[in-house]
């Protein structure tokens, strides 16, 4: 199994200087009043492509050789990794194909296509997206770029954590905790590596939607758990069936815990972010904020960072949620 370290995250940060946005760390008096703590919001919904995924995608693709670049890349994703790969590939002049579920939000499909990627659809219930991606890659001689279980992807996503530490210190703050939206665990693992390397005392928590809380259950059991078939959630970006092998190897012994929220809590967080923070946040990107607002963690007297990981919400659905 390949490994990834805090040094890899720092190398990625240097590689990505001037290539990705340093997204703001936002303070909110309304959020502080509601929670009793000092809450900082890392707005990755403002990143290129509207998601943190661009960081890992670009870090991975920048390390491809000339022949690999000519042959192209294949990715599988419910939407945000697809957009990240498509945008990174367009920037580097690499052909890209993304395997996406037919029921992915329209905005994510349109954006991935707009960045020049070829879209291949699959059915979440009957198809195995990894098999489709592997077959396409073999046929084309292309490189498969997974959405989370890859050391270069994890290192790129971890630059979010480095920025959090640096920005908090610029505000004169040392953190007590950080809550990270979690699907397969790439952002969680990278952020954990980055923050723990700078401040080992910070408590890191995963945040997941109910029914897809495989990381929380894996932390309790000590082994990678799988989500049972059947549950549904509006958090389309966080429907990975199980934590990654590499990501769980990093997070399994370092997290303070796993937090789980309902769709109703997520909608409350989306509404709060729109009303109080003036930010558009998609459901999967709002689960960490939902955990804070619903008191899944006691923030009283603590300095806590909440990551808003994505903002690619369909207009119709978003209008319903905020009204």
Protein backbone atom coordinates (compact mmCIF):
# COMPACT_ATOMS: atom_id res chain seq x y z
CA UNK A 1 0.00 0.00 0.00
CA UNK A 2 1.37 3.42 -0.92
CA UNK A 3 1.81 5.94 1.85
CA UNK A 4 1.40 9.69 2.19
CA UNK A 5 2.86 12.02 4.79
CA UNK A 6 2.60 15.58 6.02
CA UNK A 7 5.69 16.37 3.94
CA UNK A 8 3.80 15.26 0.83
CA UNK A 9 1.07 17.76 1.70
CA UNK A 10 3.66 20.52 2.07
CA UNK A 11 5.24 19.60 -1.29
CA UNK A 12 1.76 19.74 -2.84
CA UNK A 13 1.20 23.18 -1.33
CA UNK A 14 4.36 24.46 -3.01
CA UNK A 15 3.38 22.82 -6.30
CA UNK A 16 -0.07 24.43 -6.23
CA UNK A 17 1.01 27.99 -5.37
CA UNK A 18 -0.68 30.28 -7.87
CA UNK A 19 -2.68 27.38 -9.29
CA UNK A 20 -5.48 27.10 -6.71
CA UNK A 21 -7.28 29.72 -4.67
CA UNK A 22 -6.40 30.31 -1.03
CA UNK A 23 -10.00 30.28 0.13
CA UNK A 24 -11.00 32.52 3.03
CA UNK A 25 -11.34 31.52 6.67
CA UNK A 26 -14.51 33.37 7.65
CA UNK A 27 -15.57 34.56 11.08
CA UNK A 28 -19.27 34.85 11.92
CA UNK A 29 -20.71 36.55 14.98
CA UNK A 30 -24.05 34.85 14.30
CA UNK A 31 -22.39 31.43 14.33
CA UNK A 32 -20.49 32.24 17.51
CA UNK A 33 -23.70 33.33 19.26
CA UNK A 34 -25.57 30.22 18.21
CA UNK A 35 -22.84 27.79 19.31
CA UNK A 36 -21.18 29.56 22.22
CA UNK A 37 -17.77 29.02 20.63
CA UNK A 38 -15.42 30.78 18.25
CA UNK A 39 -16.26 29.21 14.90
CA UNK A 40 -14.21 29.74 11.75
CA UNK A 41 -15.56 28.66 8.36
CA UNK A 42 -13.18 27.44 5.64
CA UNK A 43 -15.05 28.32 2.45
CA UNK A 44 -13.87 25.72 -0.07
CA UNK A 45 -17.18 26.27 -1.84
CA UNK A 46 -15.37 29.28 -3.33
CA UNK A 47 -12.52 27.16 -4.75
CA UNK A 48 -12.02 26.74 -8.51
CA UNK A 49 -14.88 24.46 -9.73
CA UNK A 50 -16.76 25.19 -6.49
CA UNK A 51 -15.10 22.40 -4.51
CA UNK A 52 -11.88 21.37 -2.75
CA UNK A 53 -11.57 18.56 -5.32
CA UNK A 54 -9.66 20.78 -7.73
CA UNK A 55 -6.66 20.77 -5.38
CA UNK A 56 -6.13 17.01 -5.43
CA UNK A 57 -6.98 16.65 -9.09
CA UNK A 58 -4.45 19.26 -10.19
CA UNK A 59 -1.76 17.94 -7.86
CA UNK A 60 -2.22 14.46 -9.33
CA UNK A 61 -2.31 15.51 -12.98
CA UNK A 62 0.68 17.84 -12.69
CA UNK A 63 2.83 14.78 -11.90
CA UNK A 64 1.90 12.81 -15.03
CA UNK A 65 4.63 12.26 -17.61
CA UNK A 66 4.39 13.53 -21.19
CA UNK A 67 3.25 10.17 -22.58
CA UNK A 68 0.62 9.78 -19.85
CA UNK A 69 -0.69 13.26 -20.57
CA UNK A 70 -1.10 12.47 -24.26
CA UNK A 71 -3.01 9.26 -23.46
CA UNK A 72 -5.40 11.08 -21.15
CA UNK A 73 -7.07 10.34 -17.82
CA UNK A 74 -10.24 8.61 -16.65
CA UNK A 75 -12.01 9.44 -13.39
CA UNK A 76 -15.19 8.28 -11.66
CA UNK A 77 -17.21 10.66 -9.54
CA UNK A 78 -20.66 11.80 -8.48
CA UNK A 79 -19.69 15.26 -9.63
CA UNK A 80 -17.11 17.34 -7.74
CA UNK A 81 -14.10 15.15 -8.52
CA UNK A 82 -15.36 14.98 -12.10
CA UNK A 83 -15.31 18.76 -12.30
CA UNK A 84 -11.92 18.95 -10.61
CA UNK A 85 -10.37 16.46 -13.04
CA UNK A 86 -12.04 18.12 -16.03
CA UNK A 87 -10.80 21.59 -15.06
CA UNK A 88 -7.29 20.40 -14.18
CA UNK A 89 -7.06 18.42 -17.43
CA UNK A 90 -8.25 21.40 -19.45
CA UNK A 91 -5.63 23.62 -17.80
CA UNK A 92 -2.85 21.10 -18.60
CA UNK A 93 -4.09 20.12 -22.07
CA UNK A 94 -4.90 16.52 -21.12
CA UNK A 95 -7.87 14.57 -22.59
CA UNK A 96 -10.28 13.62 -19.78
CA UNK A 97 -13.16 11.18 -19.46
CA UNK A 98 -15.32 11.10 -16.33
CA UNK A 99 -17.71 8.31 -15.30
CA UNK A 100 -20.71 9.92 -13.56
CA UNK A 101 -24.01 8.59 -12.17
CA UNK A 102 -27.06 9.35 -14.28
CA UNK A 103 -28.72 11.00 -11.28
CA UNK A 104 -25.85 13.39 -10.56
CA UNK A 105 -26.96 17.03 -10.12
CA UNK A 106 -27.32 18.72 -13.47
CA UNK A 107 -24.97 21.55 -12.53
CA UNK A 108 -22.15 19.06 -11.93
CA UNK A 109 -22.71 17.29 -15.24
CA UNK A 110 -22.92 20.58 -17.14
CA UNK A 111 -19.79 21.97 -15.48
CA UNK A 112 -17.71 18.84 -16.12
CA UNK A 113 -18.77 18.89 -19.76
CA UNK A 114 -18.10 22.63 -19.91
CA UNK A 115 -14.48 22.04 -18.86
CA UNK A 116 -14.13 19.78 -21.90
CA UNK A 117 -14.46 16.32 -20.37
CA UNK A 118 -16.21 13.40 -22.05
CA UNK A 119 -19.04 12.11 -19.82
CA UNK A 120 -19.84 8.39 -19.51
CA UNK A 121 -22.92 7.70 -17.39
CA UNK A 122 -23.57 4.75 -15.09
CA UNK A 123 -26.35 3.52 -12.82
CA UNK A 124 -25.56 3.71 -9.09
CA UNK A 125 -27.61 0.56 -8.39
CA UNK A 126 -26.66 -1.82 -11.19
CA UNK A 127 -23.21 -0.68 -12.36
CA UNK A 128 -19.77 -0.63 -10.74
CA UNK A 129 -18.14 2.65 -11.67
CA UNK A 130 -14.61 1.46 -10.95
CA UNK A 131 -15.01 -1.38 -13.45
CA UNK A 132 -16.28 1.01 -16.12
CA UNK A 133 -13.36 3.38 -15.52
CA UNK A 134 -10.82 0.55 -15.60
CA UNK A 135 -12.22 -0.77 -18.87
CA UNK A 136 -12.13 2.67 -20.51
CA UNK A 137 -8.58 3.23 -19.31
CA UNK A 138 -7.39 -0.13 -20.67
CA UNK A 139 -9.01 0.50 -24.03
CA UNK A 140 -7.45 3.95 -24.34
CA UNK A 141 -4.16 3.47 -22.54
CA UNK A 142 -5.27 6.21 -20.16
CA UNK A 143 -4.49 6.72 -16.46
CA UNK A 144 -7.25 6.16 -13.89
CA UNK A 145 -7.40 8.95 -11.31
CA UNK A 146 -9.43 7.82 -8.27
CA UNK A 147 -11.42 10.35 -6.29
CA UNK A 148 -9.84 9.82 -2.86
CA UNK A 149 -7.69 6.69 -2.36
CA UNK A 150 -4.54 8.03 -4.01
CA UNK A 151 -1.53 9.60 -2.25
CA UNK A 152 -1.28 12.56 -4.63
CA UNK A 153 -5.00 13.25 -4.35
CA UNK A 154 -4.81 13.10 -0.55
CA UNK A 155 -1.76 15.38 -0.48
CA UNK A 156 -3.49 17.94 -2.68
CA UNK A 157 -6.63 17.93 -0.56
CA UNK A 158 -4.48 18.32 2.54
CA UNK A 159 -3.48 21.81 1.44
CA UNK A 160 -6.87 22.85 2.82
CA UNK A 161 -5.59 21.89 6.27
CA UNK A 162 -2.33 23.79 5.88
CA UNK A 163 -4.21 26.93 4.91
CA UNK A 164 -6.50 26.52 7.91
CA UNK A 165 -3.55 26.44 10.33
CA UNK A 166 -1.76 29.39 8.72
CA UNK A 167 -4.89 31.51 8.45
CA UNK A 168 -5.97 30.81 12.03
CA UNK A 169 -2.55 31.81 13.31
CA UNK A 170 -2.74 35.02 11.30
CA UNK A 171 -5.88 35.75 13.33
CA UNK A 172 -3.97 35.03 16.53
CA UNK A 173 -5.76 31.75 17.16
CA UNK A 174 -4.65 28.21 17.95
CA UNK A 175 -7.40 25.74 17.15
CA UNK A 176 -9.15 23.25 19.40
CA UNK A 177 -11.01 21.28 16.72
CA UNK A 178 -11.71 20.94 13.01
CA UNK A 179 -14.74 19.24 11.42
CA UNK A 180 -14.43 17.90 7.87
CA UNK A 181 -17.13 16.62 5.47
CA UNK A 182 -16.32 13.01 4.68
CA UNK A 183 -17.14 10.61 1.85
CA UNK A 184 -14.24 8.36 0.92
CA UNK A 185 -11.95 10.33 3.22
CA UNK A 186 -9.45 12.08 0.94
CA UNK A 187 -10.08 15.55 2.32
CA UNK A 188 -10.29 14.19 5.86
CA UNK A 189 -7.00 12.28 5.60
CA UNK A 190 -5.09 15.12 3.99
CA UNK A 191 -6.45 17.70 6.42
CA UNK A 192 -5.64 15.42 9.35
CA UNK A 193 -2.04 15.02 8.19
CA UNK A 194 -1.61 18.74 7.65
CA UNK A 195 -3.16 20.01 10.86
CA UNK A 196 -1.67 17.34 13.13
CA UNK A 197 1.81 18.07 11.75
CA UNK A 198 1.44 21.70 12.79
CA UNK A 199 -0.60 21.23 15.97
CA UNK A 200 -1.00 17.64 17.26
CA UNK A 201 -3.46 18.76 19.93
CA UNK A 202 -6.23 19.72 17.50
CA UNK A 203 -9.19 17.33 17.56
CA UNK A 204 -10.26 16.29 14.04
CA UNK A 205 -13.80 15.02 13.41
CA UNK A 206 -15.42 13.51 10.34
CA UNK A 207 -18.94 14.64 9.42
CA UNK A 208 -21.26 12.41 7.39
CA UNK A 209 -24.93 12.09 6.42
CA UNK A 210 -27.10 9.54 8.20
CA UNK A 211 -27.11 6.23 6.34
CA UNK A 212 -23.64 6.96 4.92
CA UNK A 213 -21.74 7.18 8.21
CA UNK A 214 -19.25 4.45 7.34
CA UNK A 215 -16.29 6.43 8.68
CA UNK A 216 -17.96 7.00 12.06
CA UNK A 217 -18.83 3.29 12.32
CA UNK A 218 -15.35 2.29 11.16
CA UNK A 219 -13.80 4.41 13.89
CA UNK A 220 -15.89 2.61 16.49
CA UNK A 221 -15.17 -0.89 15.18
CA UNK A 222 -11.55 -0.35 14.20
CA UNK A 223 -12.07 -1.73 10.69
CA UNK A 224 -13.46 -0.39 7.42
CA UNK A 225 -17.26 -0.66 7.50
CA UNK A 226 -19.56 -0.61 4.48
CA UNK A 227 -22.85 1.26 4.14
CA UNK A 228 -25.87 -1.03 3.81
CA UNK A 229 -27.85 -0.76 0.55
CA UNK A 230 -31.02 1.25 0.50
CA UNK A 231 -30.55 4.55 2.34
CA UNK A 232 -30.90 7.81 0.45
CA UNK A 233 -29.55 11.27 1.18
CA UNK A 234 -29.50 14.67 -0.45
CA UNK A 235 -25.72 14.67 0.14
CA UNK A 236 -24.85 13.20 -3.27
CA UNK A 237 -21.16 14.07 -2.87
CA UNK A 238 -20.80 11.86 0.24
CA UNK A 239 -22.21 8.52 -0.91
CA UNK A 240 -18.97 6.51 -1.06
CA UNK A 241 -19.74 2.95 0.11
CA UNK A 242 -16.76 2.60 2.45
CA UNK A 243 -13.67 4.54 3.59
CA UNK A 244 -10.64 4.18 1.36
CA UNK A 245 -7.89 1.74 2.30
CA UNK A 246 -5.25 4.46 2.32
CA UNK A 247 -7.47 7.16 3.80
CA UNK A 248 -8.61 4.99 6.71
CA UNK A 249 -5.04 3.92 7.40
CA UNK A 250 -4.32 7.60 8.02
CA UNK A 251 -7.45 8.62 9.90
CA UNK A 252 -8.39 5.47 11.79
CA UNK A 253 -6.12 6.16 14.76
CA UNK A 254 -5.96 9.95 14.67
CA UNK A 255 -9.55 11.21 14.69
CA UNK A 256 -11.34 12.39 17.81
CA UNK A 257 -14.63 10.98 16.51
CA UNK A 258 -17.22 10.79 13.77
CA UNK A 259 -20.31 13.00 13.62
CA UNK A 260 -23.54 12.11 11.81
CA UNK A 261 -26.30 14.48 10.66
CA UNK A 262 -29.72 14.09 9.07
CA UNK A 263 -30.86 15.67 5.82
CA UNK A 264 -33.06 18.04 7.84
CA UNK A 265 -29.99 19.24 9.75
CA UNK A 266 -28.14 19.69 6.46
CA UNK A 267 -30.95 21.82 5.03
CA UNK A 268 -30.84 23.99 8.16
CA UNK A 269 -27.11 24.46 7.60
CA UNK A 270 -27.58 25.33 3.92
CA UNK A 271 -30.17 27.91 4.93
CA UNK A 272 -27.89 29.33 7.65
CA UNK A 273 -24.92 29.62 5.26
CA UNK A 274 -27.05 31.44 2.71
CA UNK A 275 -28.68 33.78 5.22
CA UNK A 276 -25.80 34.53 7.60
CA UNK A 277 -22.61 33.80 5.64
CA UNK A 278 -23.91 34.79 2.18
CA UNK A 279 -22.56 31.53 0.75
CA UNK A 280 -24.09 28.92 -1.55
CA UNK A 281 -23.27 25.49 -0.12
CA UNK A 282 -24.33 22.11 -1.50
CA UNK A 283 -25.63 19.42 0.88
CA UNK A 284 -22.45 17.38 1.06
CA UNK A 285 -20.47 20.55 1.66
CA UNK A 286 -22.70 21.58 4.57
CA UNK A 287 -22.52 18.50 6.82
CA UNK A 288 -19.76 19.86 9.07
CA UNK A 289 -21.68 23.08 9.60
CA UNK A 290 -24.80 21.00 10.23
CA UNK A 291 -22.96 19.09 12.96
CA UNK A 292 -22.07 22.33 14.73
CA UNK A 293 -25.51 23.90 14.40
CA UNK A 294 -27.24 20.74 15.68
CA UNK A 295 -24.90 20.43 18.68
CA UNK A 296 -23.34 17.14 17.58
CA UNK A 297 -20.20 18.58 19.15
CA UNK A 298 -20.00 20.95 22.14
CA UNK A 299 -18.33 24.12 20.85
CA UNK A 300 -18.78 26.24 23.96
CA UNK A 301 -15.57 28.12 24.72
CA UNK A 302 -13.71 26.34 21.90
CA UNK A 303 -12.08 27.51 18.68
CA UNK A 304 -13.46 25.28 15.95
CA UNK A 305 -13.00 25.27 12.17
CA UNK A 306 -15.82 24.02 9.97
CA UNK A 307 -14.98 23.12 6.37
CA UNK A 308 -17.60 23.96 3.73
CA UNK A 309 -16.30 21.59 1.08
CA UNK A 310 -18.47 22.39 -1.95
CA UNK A 311 -21.03 24.75 -3.41
CA UNK A 312 -22.34 23.00 -6.53
CA UNK A 313 -26.05 22.99 -5.78
CA UNK A 314 -28.75 22.81 -8.43
CA UNK A 315 -30.72 26.05 -8.54
CA UNK A 316 -34.16 24.43 -8.17
CA UNK A 317 -33.19 22.29 -5.21
CA UNK A 318 -31.31 25.13 -3.54
CA UNK A 319 -34.33 27.41 -3.86
CA UNK A 320 -36.48 24.81 -2.09
CA UNK A 321 -33.96 24.33 0.70
CA UNK A 322 -33.57 28.01 1.54
CA UNK A 323 -37.27 28.74 1.46
